[in-house]
Amino acid sequence: MNKITDKQSFCVASATKVLGDKWSPKLIATLLDKPLHFCEIQSSTIGINPRILSSRLNKLNKLGVVDKIITSDSSHKTIYSLTKMGKDLFPILQSMVDWGKKYGPATD
């Protein structure tokens, strides 16, 4: 049987710190294609409270997963994009999708 070492367990905990929140994997997946404004992210993640969305994006920014850019034009809109670290999470998300298809509840 495979065993996870203590060092590997620490690595899993690091990934869980990023992906463990309810909305974080969805937000990362939403930003995979292109940078988006806050309102665009909110409309693509139906059901998330704006306060929670803001909190999750700020956390992902502090963790180095998401870049937060405030435009310099008169609108001062905020654009969010994935950093290299954030883009590197794609294989993990894809593995989660594959696992969910195999073992998750049947959906119609």
PDB file of N, CA and C in Angstrom:
ATOM      1  N   MET A   1       0.838  -1.188   0.000  1.00  0.00           N
ATOM      2  CA  MET A   1       0.000   0.000   0.000  1.00  0.00           C
ATOM      3  C   MET A   1       0.881   1.249   0.000  1.00  0.00           C
ATOM      4  N   ASN A   2       0.461   2.259  -0.702  1.00  0.00           N
ATOM      5  CA  ASN A   2       1.198   3.515  -0.742  1.00  0.00           C
ATOM      6  C   ASN A   2       1.045   4.248   0.577  1.00  0.00           C
ATOM      7  N   LYS A   3       2.107   4.906   0.969  1.00  0.00           N
ATOM      8  CA  LYS A   3       2.072   5.672   2.208  1.00  0.00           C
ATOM      9  C   LYS A   3       2.494   7.104   1.910  1.00  0.00           C
ATOM     10  N   ILE A   4       1.807   8.037   2.519  1.00  0.00           N
ATOM     11  CA  ILE A   4       2.167   9.446   2.383  1.00  0.00           C
ATOM     12  C   ILE A   4       3.090   9.800   3.539  1.00  0.00           C
ATOM     13  N   THR A   5       4.252  10.329   3.207  1.00  0.00           N
ATOM     14  CA  THR A   5       5.217  10.707   4.227  1.00  0.00           C
ATOM     15  C   THR A   5       4.752  11.981   4.940  1.00  0.00           C
ATOM     16  N   ASP A   6       5.407  12.272   6.040  1.00  0.00           N
ATOM     17  CA  ASP A   6       5.080  13.496   6.778  1.00  0.00           C
ATOM     18  C   ASP A   6       5.302  14.733   5.909  1.00  0.00           C
ATOM     19  N   LYS A   7       6.389  14.733   5.129  1.00  0.00           N
ATOM     20  CA  LYS A   7       6.673  15.864   4.251  1.00  0.00           C
ATOM     21  C   LYS A   7       5.575  15.993   3.190  1.00  0.00           C
ATOM     22  N   GLN A   8       5.149  14.877   2.614  1.00  0.00           N
ATOM     23  CA  GLN A   8       4.084  14.903   1.615  1.00  0.00           C
ATOM     24  C   GLN A   8       2.775  15.360   2.249  1.00  0.00           C
ATOM     25  N   SER A   9       2.539  14.967   3.475  1.00  0.00           N
ATOM     26  CA  SER A   9       1.339  15.376   4.191  1.00  0.00           C
ATOM     27  C   SER A   9       1.311  16.894   4.358  1.00  0.00           C
ATOM     28  N   PHE A  10       2.464  17.479   4.611  1.00  0.00           N
ATOM     29  CA  PHE A  10       2.581  18.937   4.715  1.00  0.00           C
ATOM     30  C   PHE A  10       2.235  19.587   3.375  1.00  0.00           C
ATOM     31  N   CYS A  11       2.677  18.969   2.278  1.00  0.00           N
ATOM     32  CA  CYS A  11       2.381  19.489   0.937  1.00  0.00           C
ATOM     33  C   CYS A  11       0.882  19.424   0.650  1.00  0.00           C
ATOM     34  N   VAL A  12       0.245  18.345   1.054  1.00  0.00           N
ATOM     35  CA  VAL A  12      -1.208  18.219   0.881  1.00  0.00           C
ATOM     36  C   VAL A  12      -1.916  19.305   1.676  1.00  0.00           C
ATOM     37  N   ALA A  13      -1.449  19.567   2.880  1.00  0.00           N
ATOM     38  CA  ALA A  13      -2.037  20.620   3.710  1.00  0.00           C
ATOM     39  C   ALA A  13      -1.886  21.988   3.037  1.00  0.00           C
ATOM     40  N   SER A  14      -0.756  22.219   2.362  1.00  0.00           N
ATOM     41  CA  SER A  14      -0.545  23.487   1.652  1.00  0.00           C
ATOM     42  C   SER A  14      -1.546  23.642   0.512  1.00  0.00           C
ATOM     43  N   ALA A  15      -1.773  22.565  -0.234  1.00  0.00           N
ATOM     44  CA  ALA A  15      -2.746  22.618  -1.326  1.00  0.00           C
ATOM     45  C   ALA A  15      -4.156  22.801  -0.781  1.00  0.00           C
ATOM     46  N   THR A  16      -4.449  22.168   0.333  1.00  0.00           N
ATOM     47  CA  THR A  16      -5.773  22.287   0.946  1.00  0.00           C
ATOM     48  C   THR A  16      -6.020  23.706   1.440  1.00  0.00           C
ATOM     49  N   LYS A  17      -4.960  24.385   1.866  1.00  0.00           N
ATOM     50  CA  LYS A  17      -5.093  25.776   2.304  1.00  0.00           C
ATOM     51  C   LYS A  17      -5.621  26.646   1.169  1.00  0.00           C
ATOM     52  N   VAL A  18      -5.235  26.326  -0.056  1.00  0.00           N
ATOM     53  CA  VAL A  18      -5.681  27.083  -1.219  1.00  0.00           C
ATOM     54  C   VAL A  18      -7.033  26.584  -1.719  1.00  0.00           C
ATOM     55  N   LEU A  19      -7.202  25.283  -1.813  1.00  0.00           N
ATOM     56  CA  LEU A  19      -8.388  24.700  -2.452  1.00  0.00           C
ATOM     57  C   LEU A  19      -9.473  24.270  -1.474  1.00  0.00           C
ATOM     58  N   GLY A  20      -9.231  24.428  -0.187  1.00  0.00           N
ATOM     59  CA  GLY A  20     -10.144  23.897   0.809  1.00  0.00           C
ATOM     60  C   GLY A  20     -11.412  24.692   1.055  1.00  0.00           C
ATOM     61  N   ASP A  21     -11.436  25.953   0.682  1.00  0.00           N
ATOM     62  CA  ASP A  21     -12.642  26.756   0.873  1.00  0.00           C
ATOM     63  C   ASP A  21     -13.698  26.375  -0.159  1.00  0.00           C
ATOM     64  N   LYS A  22     -14.933  26.561   0.215  1.00  0.00           N
ATOM     65  CA  LYS A  22     -16.040  26.154  -0.648  1.00  0.00           C
ATOM     66  C   LYS A  22     -15.944  26.733  -2.052  1.00  0.00           C
ATOM     67  N   TRP A  23     -15.632  27.990  -2.205  1.00  0.00           N
ATOM     68  CA  TRP A  23     -15.691  28.639  -3.512  1.00  0.00           C
ATOM     69  C   TRP A  23     -14.356  28.740  -4.232  1.00  0.00           C
ATOM     70  N   SER A  24     -13.255  28.514  -3.555  1.00  0.00           N
ATOM     71  CA  SER A  24     -11.938  28.738  -4.161  1.00  0.00           C
ATOM     72  C   SER A  24     -11.686  27.925  -5.428  1.00  0.00           C
ATOM     73  N   PRO A  25     -11.959  26.614  -5.451  1.00  0.00           N
ATOM     74  CA  PRO A  25     -11.744  25.879  -6.703  1.00  0.00           C
ATOM     75  C   PRO A  25     -12.572  26.437  -7.863  1.00  0.00           C
ATOM     76  N   LYS A  26     -13.797  26.829  -7.590  1.00  0.00           N
ATOM     77  CA  LYS A  26     -14.663  27.401  -8.635  1.00  0.00           C
ATOM     78  C   LYS A  26     -14.096  28.724  -9.133  1.00  0.00           C
ATOM     79  N   LEU A  27     -13.604  29.549  -8.235  1.00  0.00           N
ATOM     80  CA  LEU A  27     -13.037  30.842  -8.630  1.00  0.00           C
ATOM     81  C   LEU A  27     -11.785  30.654  -9.472  1.00  0.00           C
ATOM     82  N   ILE A  28     -10.945  29.720  -9.083  1.00  0.00           N
ATOM     83  CA  ILE A  28      -9.729  29.444  -9.854  1.00  0.00           C
ATOM     84  C   ILE A  28     -10.105  28.938 -11.247  1.00  0.00           C
ATOM     85  N   ALA A  29     -11.062  28.020 -11.315  1.00  0.00           N
ATOM     86  CA  ALA A  29     -11.504  27.501 -12.609  1.00  0.00           C
ATOM     87  C   ALA A  29     -12.104  28.605 -13.473  1.00  0.00           C
ATOM     88  N   THR A  30     -12.817  29.526 -12.859  1.00  0.00           N
ATOM     89  CA  THR A  30     -13.426  30.636 -13.595  1.00  0.00           C
ATOM     90  C   THR A  30     -12.373  31.538 -14.218  1.00  0.00           C
ATOM     91  N   LEU A  31     -11.242  31.688 -13.543  1.00  0.00           N
ATOM     92  CA  LEU A  31     -10.186  32.575 -14.029  1.00  0.00           C
ATOM     93  C   LEU A  31      -9.171  31.881 -14.945  1.00  0.00           C
ATOM     94  N   LEU A  32      -9.357  30.595 -15.213  1.00  0.00           N
ATOM     95  CA  LEU A  32      -8.400  29.876 -16.050  1.00  0.00           C
ATOM     96  C   LEU A  32      -8.308  30.437 -17.466  1.00  0.00           C
ATOM     97  N   ASP A  33      -9.419  30.830 -18.040  1.00  0.00           N
ATOM     98  CA  ASP A  33      -9.431  31.261 -19.440  1.00  0.00           C
ATOM     99  C   ASP A  33      -8.889  32.669 -19.659  1.00  0.00           C
ATOM    100  N   LYS A  34      -9.272  33.582 -18.761  1.00  0.00           N
ATOM    101  CA  LYS A  34      -8.863  34.975 -18.960  1.00  0.00           C
ATOM    102  C   LYS A  34      -9.101  35.778 -17.688  1.00  0.00           C
ATOM    103  N   PRO A  35      -8.441  36.932 -17.562  1.00  0.00           N
ATOM    104  CA  PRO A  35      -8.700  37.830 -16.435  1.00  0.00           C
ATOM    105  C   PRO A  35     -10.139  38.350 -16.497  1.00  0.00           C
ATOM    106  N   LEU A  36     -10.721  38.576 -15.339  1.00  0.00           N
ATOM    107  CA  LEU A  36     -12.113  39.027 -15.270  1.00  0.00           C
ATOM    108  C   LEU A  36     -12.284  40.116 -14.224  1.00  0.00           C
ATOM    109  N   HIS A  37     -13.283  40.966 -14.447  1.00  0.00           N
ATOM    110  CA  HIS A  37     -13.698  41.956 -13.453  1.00  0.00           C
ATOM    111  C   HIS A  37     -14.501  41.250 -12.367  1.00  0.00           C
ATOM    112  N   PHE A  38     -14.576  41.884 -11.212  1.00  0.00           N
ATOM    113  CA  PHE A  38     -15.312  41.330 -10.079  1.00  0.00           C
ATOM    114  C   PHE A  38     -16.730  40.928 -10.477  1.00  0.00           C
ATOM    115  N   CYS A  39     -17.443  41.826 -11.168  1.00  0.00           N
ATOM    116  CA  CYS A  39     -18.837  41.540 -11.527  1.00  0.00           C
ATOM    117  C   CYS A  39     -18.942  40.359 -12.496  1.00  0.00           C
ATOM    118  N   GLU A  40     -17.940  40.180 -13.356  1.00  0.00           N
ATOM    119  CA  GLU A  40     -17.943  39.035 -14.267  1.00  0.00           C
ATOM    120  C   GLU A  40     -17.736  37.731 -13.504  1.00  0.00           C
ATOM    121  N   ILE A  41     -16.872  37.771 -12.513  1.00  0.00           N
ATOM    122  CA  ILE A  41     -16.652  36.584 -11.685  1.00  0.00           C
ATOM    123  C   ILE A  41     -17.925  36.266 -10.916  1.00  0.00           C
ATOM    124  N   GLN A  42     -18.542  37.287 -10.355  1.00  0.00           N
ATOM    125  CA  GLN A  42     -19.764  37.080  -9.578  1.00  0.00           C
ATOM    126  C   GLN A  42     -20.872  36.479 -10.435  1.00  0.00           C
ATOM    127  N   SER A  43     -21.037  36.951 -11.659  1.00  0.00           N
ATOM    128  CA  SER A  43     -22.114  36.429 -12.498  1.00  0.00           C
ATOM    129  C   SER A  43     -21.819  35.012 -12.985  1.00  0.00           C
ATOM    130  N   SER A  44     -20.561  34.611 -13.008  1.00  0.00           N
ATOM    131  CA  SER A  44     -20.249  33.243 -13.423  1.00  0.00           C
ATOM    132  C   SER A  44     -20.203  32.268 -12.248  1.00  0.00           C
ATOM    133  N   THR A  45     -20.282  32.770 -11.039  1.00  0.00           N
ATOM    134  CA  THR A  45     -20.325  31.913  -9.849  1.00  0.00           C
ATOM    135  C   THR A  45     -21.627  32.182  -9.103  1.00  0.00           C
ATOM    136  N   ILE A  46     -22.704  31.783  -9.717  1.00  0.00           N
ATOM    137  CA  ILE A  46     -24.042  32.030  -9.178  1.00  0.00           C
ATOM    138  C   ILE A  46     -24.167  31.405  -7.786  1.00  0.00           C
ATOM    139  N   GLY A  47     -24.700  32.194  -6.872  1.00  0.00           N
ATOM    140  CA  GLY A  47     -24.939  31.715  -5.524  1.00  0.00           C
ATOM    141  C   GLY A  47     -23.954  32.226  -4.492  1.00  0.00           C
ATOM    142  N   ILE A  48     -22.896  32.863  -4.940  1.00  0.00           N
ATOM    143  CA  ILE A  48     -21.913  33.368  -3.983  1.00  0.00           C
ATOM    144  C   ILE A  48     -22.285  34.794  -3.565  1.00  0.00           C
ATOM    145  N   ASN A  49     -22.237  35.024  -2.301  1.00  0.00           N
ATOM    146  CA  ASN A  49     -22.488  36.331  -1.723  1.00  0.00           C
ATOM    147  C   ASN A  49     -21.311  37.246  -2.087  1.00  0.00           C
ATOM    148  N   PRO A  50     -21.561  38.504  -2.469  1.00  0.00           N
ATOM    149  CA  PRO A  50     -20.457  39.407  -2.836  1.00  0.00           C
ATOM    150  C   PRO A  50     -19.398  39.555  -1.745  1.00  0.00           C
ATOM    151  N   ARG A  51     -19.809  39.531  -0.508  1.00  0.00           N
ATOM    152  CA  ARG A  51     -18.851  39.651   0.603  1.00  0.00           C
ATOM    153  C   ARG A  51     -17.933  38.422   0.653  1.00  0.00           C
ATOM    154  N   ILE A  52     -18.518  37.238   0.468  1.00  0.00           N
ATOM    155  CA  ILE A  52     -17.723  36.005   0.447  1.00  0.00           C
ATOM    156  C   ILE A  52     -16.802  35.998  -0.760  1.00  0.00           C
ATOM    157  N   LEU A  53     -17.312  36.410  -1.916  1.00  0.00           N
ATOM    158  CA  LEU A  53     -16.500  36.477  -3.131  1.00  0.00           C
ATOM    159  C   LEU A  53     -15.284  37.382  -2.905  1.00  0.00           C
ATOM    160  N   SER A  54     -15.516  38.539  -2.371  1.00  0.00           N
ATOM    161  CA  SER A  54     -14.434  39.470  -2.090  1.00  0.00           C
ATOM    162  C   SER A  54     -13.423  38.862  -1.127  1.00  0.00           C
ATOM    163  N   SER A  55     -13.917  38.224  -0.094  1.00  0.00           N
ATOM    164  CA  SER A  55     -13.056  37.592   0.903  1.00  0.00           C
ATOM    165  C   SER A  55     -12.203  36.484   0.279  1.00  0.00           C
ATOM    166  N   ARG A  56     -12.811  35.634  -0.522  1.00  0.00           N
ATOM    167  CA  ARG A  56     -12.080  34.528  -1.168  1.00  0.00           C
ATOM    168  C   ARG A  56     -11.032  35.063  -2.149  1.00  0.00           C
ATOM    169  N   LEU A  57     -11.400  36.062  -2.943  1.00  0.00           N
ATOM    170  CA  LEU A  57     -10.445  36.631  -3.890  1.00  0.00           C
ATOM    171  C   LEU A  57      -9.270  37.282  -3.156  1.00  0.00           C
ATOM    172  N   ASN A  58      -9.548  37.968  -2.059  1.00  0.00           N
ATOM    173  CA  ASN A  58      -8.471  38.579  -1.274  1.00  0.00           C
ATOM    174  C   ASN A  58      -7.554  37.514  -0.677  1.00  0.00           C
ATOM    175  N   LYS A  59      -8.152  36.419  -0.191  1.00  0.00           N
ATOM    176  CA  LYS A  59      -7.343  35.332   0.366  1.00  0.00           C
ATOM    177  C   LYS A  59      -6.459  34.721  -0.718  1.00  0.00           C
ATOM    178  N   LEU A  60      -7.045  34.448  -1.890  1.00  0.00           N
ATOM    179  CA  LEU A  60      -6.274  33.869  -2.993  1.00  0.00           C
ATOM    180  C   LEU A  60      -5.174  34.824  -3.456  1.00  0.00           C
ATOM    181  N   ASN A  61      -5.436  36.111  -3.375  1.00  0.00           N
ATOM    182  CA  ASN A  61      -4.428  37.113  -3.703  1.00  0.00           C
ATOM    183  C   ASN A  61      -3.283  37.071  -2.693  1.00  0.00           C
ATOM    184  N   LYS A  62      -3.605  37.010  -1.421  1.00  0.00           N
ATOM    185  CA  LYS A  62      -2.577  36.963  -0.376  1.00  0.00           C
ATOM    186  C   LYS A  62      -1.741  35.690  -0.464  1.00  0.00           C
ATOM    187  N   LEU A  63      -2.370  34.596  -0.919  1.00  0.00           N
ATOM    188  CA  LEU A  63      -1.651  33.328  -1.062  1.00  0.00           C
ATOM    189  C   LEU A  63      -0.800  33.284  -2.332  1.00  0.00           C
ATOM    190  N   GLY A  64      -0.950  34.288  -3.196  1.00  0.00           N
ATOM    191  CA  GLY A  64      -0.166  34.335  -4.416  1.00  0.00           C
ATOM    192  C   GLY A  64      -0.765  33.581  -5.588  1.00  0.00           C
ATOM    193  N   VAL A  65      -2.038  33.227  -5.489  1.00  0.00           N
ATOM    194  CA  VAL A  65      -2.723  32.456  -6.528  1.00  0.00           C
ATOM    195  C   VAL A  65      -3.391  33.376  -7.547  1.00  0.00           C
ATOM    196  N   VAL A  66      -3.862  34.522  -7.078  1.00  0.00           N
ATOM    197  CA  VAL A  66      -4.593  35.466  -7.923  1.00  0.00           C
ATOM    198  C   VAL A  66      -3.913  36.830  -7.854  1.00  0.00           C
ATOM    199  N   ASP A  67      -3.792  37.466  -9.022  1.00  0.00           N
ATOM    200  CA  ASP A  67      -3.346  38.857  -9.088  1.00  0.00           C
ATOM    201  C   ASP A  67      -4.567  39.756  -9.071  1.00  0.00           C
ATOM    202  N   LYS A  68      -4.460  40.853  -8.351  1.00  0.00           N
ATOM    203  CA  LYS A  68      -5.539  41.843  -8.264  1.00  0.00           C
ATOM    204  C   LYS A  68      -4.985  43.146  -8.833  1.00  0.00           C
ATOM    205  N   ILE A  69      -5.571  43.569  -9.953  1.00  0.00           N
ATOM    206  CA  ILE A  69      -5.099  44.768 -10.638  1.00  0.00           C
ATOM    207  C   ILE A  69      -6.214  45.799 -10.666  1.00  0.00           C
ATOM    208  N   ILE A  70      -5.942  46.979 -10.164  1.00  0.00           N
ATOM    209  CA  ILE A  70      -6.916  48.066 -10.201  1.00  0.00           C
ATOM    210  C   ILE A  70      -6.549  48.942 -11.393  1.00  0.00           C
ATOM    211  N   THR A  71      -7.499  49.100 -12.315  1.00  0.00           N
ATOM    212  CA  THR A  71      -7.223  49.864 -13.532  1.00  0.00           C
ATOM    213  C   THR A  71      -6.953  51.323 -13.184  1.00  0.00           C
ATOM    214  N   SER A  72      -6.142  51.946 -13.988  1.00  0.00           N
ATOM    215  CA  SER A  72      -5.762  53.336 -13.728  1.00  0.00           C
ATOM    216  C   SER A  72      -6.692  54.335 -14.412  1.00  0.00           C
ATOM    217  N   ASP A  73      -7.667  53.825 -15.162  1.00  0.00           N
ATOM    218  CA  ASP A  73      -8.602  54.760 -15.810  1.00  0.00           C
ATOM    219  C   ASP A  73      -9.565  55.330 -14.770  1.00  0.00           C
ATOM    220  N   SER A  74     -10.477  56.151 -15.200  1.00  0.00           N
ATOM    221  CA  SER A  74     -11.389  56.835 -14.274  1.00  0.00           C
ATOM    222  C   SER A  74     -12.339  55.892 -13.548  1.00  0.00           C
ATOM    223  N   SER A  75     -12.554  54.692 -14.080  1.00  0.00           N
ATOM    224  CA  SER A  75     -13.505  53.761 -13.440  1.00  0.00           C
ATOM    225  C   SER A  75     -12.889  53.022 -12.250  1.00  0.00           C
ATOM    226  N   HIS A  76     -11.571  52.905 -12.215  1.00  0.00           N
ATOM    227  CA  HIS A  76     -10.861  52.188 -11.144  1.00  0.00           C
ATOM    228  C   HIS A  76     -11.465  50.811 -10.886  1.00  0.00           C
ATOM    229  N   LYS A  77     -11.746  50.086 -11.957  1.00  0.00           N
ATOM    230  CA  LYS A  77     -12.280  48.732 -11.821  1.00  0.00           C
ATOM    231  C   LYS A  77     -11.159  47.774 -11.456  1.00  0.00           C
ATOM    232  N   THR A  78     -11.546  46.696 -10.773  1.00  0.00           N
ATOM    233  CA  THR A  78     -10.577  45.689 -10.363  1.00  0.00           C
ATOM    234  C   THR A  78     -10.658  44.496 -11.299  1.00  0.00           C
ATOM    235  N   ILE A  79      -9.497  44.055 -11.759  1.00  0.00           N
ATOM    236  CA  ILE A  79      -9.401  42.888 -12.631  1.00  0.00           C
ATOM    237  C   ILE A  79      -8.611  41.825 -11.879  1.00  0.00           C
ATOM    238  N   TYR A  80      -9.121  40.608 -11.941  1.00  0.00           N
ATOM    239  CA  TYR A  80      -8.460  39.480 -11.288  1.00  0.00           C
ATOM    240  C   TYR A  80      -7.962  38.515 -12.345  1.00  0.00           C
ATOM    241  N   SER A  81      -6.761  37.990 -12.126  1.00  0.00           N
ATOM    242  CA  SER A  81      -6.196  36.987 -13.026  1.00  0.00           C
ATOM    243  C   SER A  81      -5.390  35.992 -12.202  1.00  0.00           C
ATOM    244  N   LEU A  82      -5.158  34.829 -12.786  1.00  0.00           N
ATOM    245  CA  LEU A  82      -4.359  33.822 -12.102  1.00  0.00           C
ATOM    246  C   LEU A  82      -2.877  34.108 -12.283  1.00  0.00           C
ATOM    247  N   THR A  83      -2.124  33.878 -11.243  1.00  0.00           N
ATOM    248  CA  THR A  83      -0.670  33.927 -11.324  1.00  0.00           C
ATOM    249  C   THR A  83      -0.194  32.589 -11.892  1.00  0.00           C
ATOM    250  N   LYS A  84       1.089  32.437 -12.078  1.00  0.00           N
ATOM    251  CA  LYS A  84       1.622  31.147 -12.512  1.00  0.00           C
ATOM    252  C   LYS A  84       1.253  30.076 -11.494  1.00  0.00           C
ATOM    253  N   MET A  85       1.356  30.404 -10.219  1.00  0.00           N
ATOM    254  CA  MET A  85       0.995  29.457  -9.171  1.00  0.00           C
ATOM    255  C   MET A  85      -0.468  29.033  -9.325  1.00  0.00           C
ATOM    256  N   GLY A  86      -1.327  29.988  -9.605  1.00  0.00           N
ATOM    257  CA  GLY A  86      -2.739  29.691  -9.793  1.00  0.00           C
ATOM    258  C   GLY A  86      -2.985  28.805 -11.002  1.00  0.00           C
ATOM    259  N   LYS A  87      -2.295  29.097 -12.100  1.00  0.00           N
ATOM    260  CA  LYS A  87      -2.432  28.279 -13.313  1.00  0.00           C
ATOM    261  C   LYS A  87      -1.915  26.859 -13.086  1.00  0.00           C
ATOM    262  N   ASP A  88      -0.916  26.734 -12.231  1.00  0.00           N
ATOM    263  CA  ASP A  88      -0.365  25.406 -11.925  1.00  0.00           C
ATOM    264  C   ASP A  88      -1.343  24.530 -11.143  1.00  0.00           C
ATOM    265  N   LEU A  89      -2.430  25.102 -10.659  1.00  0.00           N
ATOM    266  CA  LEU A  89      -3.447  24.317  -9.956  1.00  0.00           C
ATOM    267  C   LEU A  89      -4.376  23.571 -10.919  1.00  0.00           C
ATOM    268  N   PHE A  90      -4.311  23.908 -12.220  1.00  0.00           N
ATOM    269  CA  PHE A  90      -5.218  23.282 -13.179  1.00  0.00           C
ATOM    270  C   PHE A  90      -5.175  21.750 -13.147  1.00  0.00           C
ATOM    271  N   PRO A  91      -3.988  21.104 -13.141  1.00  0.00           N
ATOM    272  CA  PRO A  91      -3.987  19.636 -13.108  1.00  0.00           C
ATOM    273  C   PRO A  91      -4.668  19.061 -11.860  1.00  0.00           C
ATOM    274  N   ILE A  92      -4.539  19.761 -10.745  1.00  0.00           N
ATOM    275  CA  ILE A  92      -5.206  19.308  -9.517  1.00  0.00           C
ATOM    276  C   ILE A  92      -6.716  19.408  -9.689  1.00  0.00           C
ATOM    277  N   LEU A  93      -7.187  20.524 -10.227  1.00  0.00           N
ATOM    278  CA  LEU A  93      -8.623  20.684 -10.463  1.00  0.00           C
ATOM    279  C   LEU A  93      -9.126  19.638 -11.450  1.00  0.00           C
ATOM    280  N   GLN A  94      -8.349  19.360 -12.492  1.00  0.00           N
ATOM    281  CA  GLN A  94      -8.758  18.350 -13.463  1.00  0.00           C
ATOM    282  C   GLN A  94      -8.837  16.976 -12.807  1.00  0.00           C
ATOM    283  N   SER A  95      -7.895  16.673 -11.927  1.00  0.00           N
ATOM    284  CA  SER A  95      -7.944  15.400 -11.190  1.00  0.00           C
ATOM    285  C   SER A  95      -9.174  15.330 -10.296  1.00  0.00           C
ATOM    286  N   MET A  96      -9.542  16.460  -9.704  1.00  0.00           N
ATOM    287  CA  MET A  96     -10.749  16.495  -8.875  1.00  0.00           C
ATOM    288  C   MET A  96     -11.992  16.256  -9.729  1.00  0.00           C
ATOM    289  N   VAL A  97     -12.011  16.828 -10.936  1.00  0.00           N
ATOM    290  CA  VAL A  97     -13.126  16.598 -11.858  1.00  0.00           C
ATOM    291  C   VAL A  97     -13.205  15.115 -12.207  1.00  0.00           C
ATOM    292  N   ASP A  98     -12.069  14.527 -12.544  1.00  0.00           N
ATOM    293  CA  ASP A  98     -12.042  13.104 -12.912  1.00  0.00           C
ATOM    294  C   ASP A  98     -12.514  12.228 -11.759  1.00  0.00           C
ATOM    295  N   TRP A  99     -12.053  12.531 -10.556  1.00  0.00           N
ATOM    296  CA  TRP A  99     -12.463  11.762  -9.385  1.00  0.00           C
ATOM    297  C   TRP A  99     -13.961  11.923  -9.145  1.00  0.00           C
ATOM    298  N   GLY A 100     -14.450  13.154  -9.269  1.00  0.00           N
ATOM    299  CA  GLY A 100     -15.873  13.422  -9.061  1.00  0.00           C
ATOM    300  C   GLY A 100     -16.750  12.690 -10.071  1.00  0.00           C
ATOM    301  N   LYS A 101     -16.288  12.610 -11.301  1.00  0.00           N
ATOM    302  CA  LYS A 101     -17.047  11.866 -12.324  1.00  0.00           C
ATOM    303  C   LYS A 101     -17.093  10.384 -11.977  1.00  0.00           C
ATOM    304  N   LYS A 102     -15.992   9.882 -11.456  1.00  0.00           N
ATOM    305  CA  LYS A 102     -15.899   8.443 -11.161  1.00  0.00           C
ATOM    306  C   LYS A 102     -16.645   8.069  -9.886  1.00  0.00           C
ATOM    307  N   TYR A 103     -16.543   8.887  -8.847  1.00  0.00           N
ATOM    308  CA  TYR A 103     -17.077   8.514  -7.542  1.00  0.00           C
ATOM    309  C   TYR A 103     -18.158   9.436  -6.993  1.00  0.00           C
ATOM    310  N   GLY A 104     -18.338  10.589  -7.614  1.00  0.00           N
ATOM    311  CA  GLY A 104     -19.313  11.539  -7.094  1.00  0.00           C
ATOM    312  C   GLY A 104     -20.737  11.050  -7.301  1.00  0.00           C
ATOM    313  N   PRO A 105     -21.678  11.744  -6.689  1.00  0.00           N
ATOM    314  CA  PRO A 105     -23.079  11.343  -6.845  1.00  0.00           C
ATOM    315  C   PRO A 105     -23.514  11.449  -8.304  1.00  0.00           C
ATOM    316  N   ALA A 106     -24.366  10.532  -8.709  1.00  0.00           N
ATOM    317  CA  ALA A 106     -24.873  10.541 -10.075  1.00  0.00           C
ATOM    318  C   ALA A 106     -25.716  11.787 -10.293  1.00  0.00           C
ATOM    319  N   THR A 107     -25.493  12.450 -11.420  1.00  0.00           N
ATOM    320  CA  THR A 107     -26.287  13.643 -11.752  1.00  0.00           C
ATOM    321  C   THR A 107     -27.002  13.392 -13.061  1.00  0.00           C
ATOM    322  N   ASP A 108     -28.190  13.924 -13.161  1.00  0.00           N
ATOM    323  CA  ASP A 108     -28.966  13.760 -14.391  1.00  0.00           C
ATOM    324  C   ASP A 108     -28.833  14.950 -15.274  1.00  0.00           C
TER     325      ASP A 108
END
